[in-house]
Amino acid sequence: MMVNPRLGQCVRIHYAKRYGHLMPLQDKVGPVIVVGQGKPRNHGVMVDGVLYCVPCGNLVKEEHDAARD
């Protein structure tokens, strides 16, 4: 879980194991476009060209892998 993501940081969206199979964004990767302030801590993540609002607790730091590029 990430506490303070930065603009442009690559993140993976991850939900709890019991709900993950129901969520269409499970394990999708994208950059943080909007960093939320205050409460609730929601952030804008760009996935496949669409901006999604994702709660902070569902973001995991994604290590940049040069082999994927």
C-alpha atoms as a PDB file:
ATOM      1  CA  MET A   1       0.000   0.000   0.000  1.00  0.00           C
ATOM      2  CA  MET A   2       1.260   3.461  -0.875  1.00  0.00           C
ATOM      3  CA  VAL A   3       0.871   6.412   1.454  1.00  0.00           C
ATOM      4  CA  ASN A   4       2.016   9.324  -0.701  1.00  0.00           C
ATOM      5  CA  PRO A   5       2.281   8.579  -4.429  1.00  0.00           C
ATOM      6  CA  ARG A   6       4.025  11.177  -6.607  1.00  0.00           C
ATOM      7  CA  LEU A   7       2.936  12.576  -9.956  1.00  0.00           C
ATOM      8  CA  GLY A   8       4.123  10.336 -12.765  1.00  0.00           C
ATOM      9  CA  GLN A   9       4.972   7.434 -10.447  1.00  0.00           C
ATOM     10  CA  CYS A  10       4.079   4.046 -11.898  1.00  0.00           C
ATOM     11  CA  VAL A  11       1.630   2.113  -9.690  1.00  0.00           C
ATOM     12  CA  ARG A  12      -0.262  -1.174  -9.767  1.00  0.00           C
ATOM     13  CA  ILE A  13      -3.909  -1.322  -8.695  1.00  0.00           C
ATOM     14  CA  HIS A  14      -4.502  -4.154  -6.245  1.00  0.00           C
ATOM     15  CA  TYR A  15      -7.644  -5.181  -4.375  1.00  0.00           C
ATOM     16  CA  ALA A  16      -8.148  -7.684  -1.544  1.00  0.00           C
ATOM     17  CA  LYS A  17      -7.946 -11.331  -2.592  1.00  0.00           C
ATOM     18  CA  ARG A  18     -11.642 -11.969  -1.958  1.00  0.00           C
ATOM     19  CA  TYR A  19     -12.712  -9.022  -4.173  1.00  0.00           C
ATOM     20  CA  GLY A  20      -9.958  -8.977  -6.797  1.00  0.00           C
ATOM     21  CA  HIS A  21     -11.672 -11.304  -9.243  1.00  0.00           C
ATOM     22  CA  LEU A  22     -14.689  -8.938  -9.321  1.00  0.00           C
ATOM     23  CA  MET A  23     -12.700  -5.770 -10.024  1.00  0.00           C
ATOM     24  CA  PRO A  24     -11.905  -4.971 -13.675  1.00  0.00           C
ATOM     25  CA  LEU A  25      -8.823  -2.900 -12.714  1.00  0.00           C
ATOM     26  CA  GLN A  26      -7.156  -5.668 -10.688  1.00  0.00           C
ATOM     27  CA  ASP A  27      -3.370  -5.727 -11.369  1.00  0.00           C
ATOM     28  CA  LYS A  28      -3.515  -2.959 -14.004  1.00  0.00           C
ATOM     29  CA  VAL A  29      -0.474  -0.665 -14.148  1.00  0.00           C
ATOM     30  CA  GLY A  30      -0.345   3.040 -14.904  1.00  0.00           C
ATOM     31  CA  PRO A  31       1.093   6.416 -13.892  1.00  0.00           C
ATOM     32  CA  VAL A  32      -0.367   8.679 -11.207  1.00  0.00           C
ATOM     33  CA  ILE A  33      -1.848  11.739 -12.964  1.00  0.00           C
ATOM     34  CA  VAL A  34      -3.709  13.407 -10.066  1.00  0.00           C
ATOM     35  CA  VAL A  35      -2.608  13.309  -6.415  1.00  0.00           C
ATOM     36  CA  GLY A  36      -5.553  13.739  -4.049  1.00  0.00           C
ATOM     37  CA  GLN A  37      -5.363  16.069  -1.057  1.00  0.00           C
ATOM     38  CA  GLY A  38      -7.351  15.723   2.154  1.00  0.00           C
ATOM     39  CA  LYS A  39      -9.831  12.947   2.807  1.00  0.00           C
ATOM     40  CA  PRO A  40     -10.725  10.557   1.294  1.00  0.00           C
ATOM     41  CA  ARG A  41      -7.289   9.865  -0.165  1.00  0.00           C
ATOM     42  CA  ASN A  42      -8.169   9.092  -3.782  1.00  0.00           C
ATOM     43  CA  HIS A  43      -5.742   9.490  -6.673  1.00  0.00           C
ATOM     44  CA  GLY A  44      -6.121   9.673 -10.442  1.00  0.00           C
ATOM     45  CA  VAL A  45      -4.401   6.820 -12.283  1.00  0.00           C
ATOM     46  CA  MET A  46      -4.222   6.583 -16.085  1.00  0.00           C
ATOM     47  CA  VAL A  47      -4.920   3.028 -17.263  1.00  0.00           C
ATOM     48  CA  ASP A  48      -5.202   2.222 -20.973  1.00  0.00           C
ATOM     49  CA  GLY A  49      -5.831   5.884 -21.821  1.00  0.00           C
ATOM     50  CA  VAL A  50      -8.624   6.348 -19.260  1.00  0.00           C
ATOM     51  CA  LEU A  51      -8.271   8.275 -15.986  1.00  0.00           C
ATOM     52  CA  TYR A  52      -9.595   6.335 -12.968  1.00  0.00           C
ATOM     53  CA  CYS A  53     -10.112   7.505  -9.394  1.00  0.00           C
ATOM     54  CA  VAL A  54      -8.517   4.893  -7.111  1.00  0.00           C
ATOM     55  CA  PRO A  55      -8.364   4.868  -3.279  1.00  0.00           C
ATOM     56  CA  CYS A  56      -4.857   5.200  -1.859  1.00  0.00           C
ATOM     57  CA  GLY A  57      -5.089   1.837  -0.091  1.00  0.00           C
ATOM     58  CA  ASN A  58      -5.458   0.041  -3.426  1.00  0.00           C
ATOM     59  CA  LEU A  59      -2.200   1.337  -4.922  1.00  0.00           C
ATOM     60  CA  VAL A  60       1.052  -0.620  -4.833  1.00  0.00           C
ATOM     61  CA  LYS A  61       4.424   0.701  -5.986  1.00  0.00           C
ATOM     62  CA  GLU A  62       5.361  -0.826  -9.326  1.00  0.00           C
ATOM     63  CA  GLU A  63       9.071  -1.281  -9.955  1.00  0.00           C
ATOM     64  CA  HIS A  64      10.055  -0.009 -13.383  1.00  0.00           C
ATOM     65  CA  ASP A  65      11.274  -2.888 -15.512  1.00  0.00           C
ATOM     66  CA  ALA A  66      13.388  -1.904 -18.549  1.00  0.00           C
ATOM     67  CA  ALA A  67      12.680  -5.297 -20.142  1.00  0.00           C
ATOM     68  CA  ARG A  68       8.960  -4.436 -20.381  1.00  0.00           C
ATOM     69  CA  ASP A  69       9.622  -1.309 -22.482  1.00  0.00           C
END
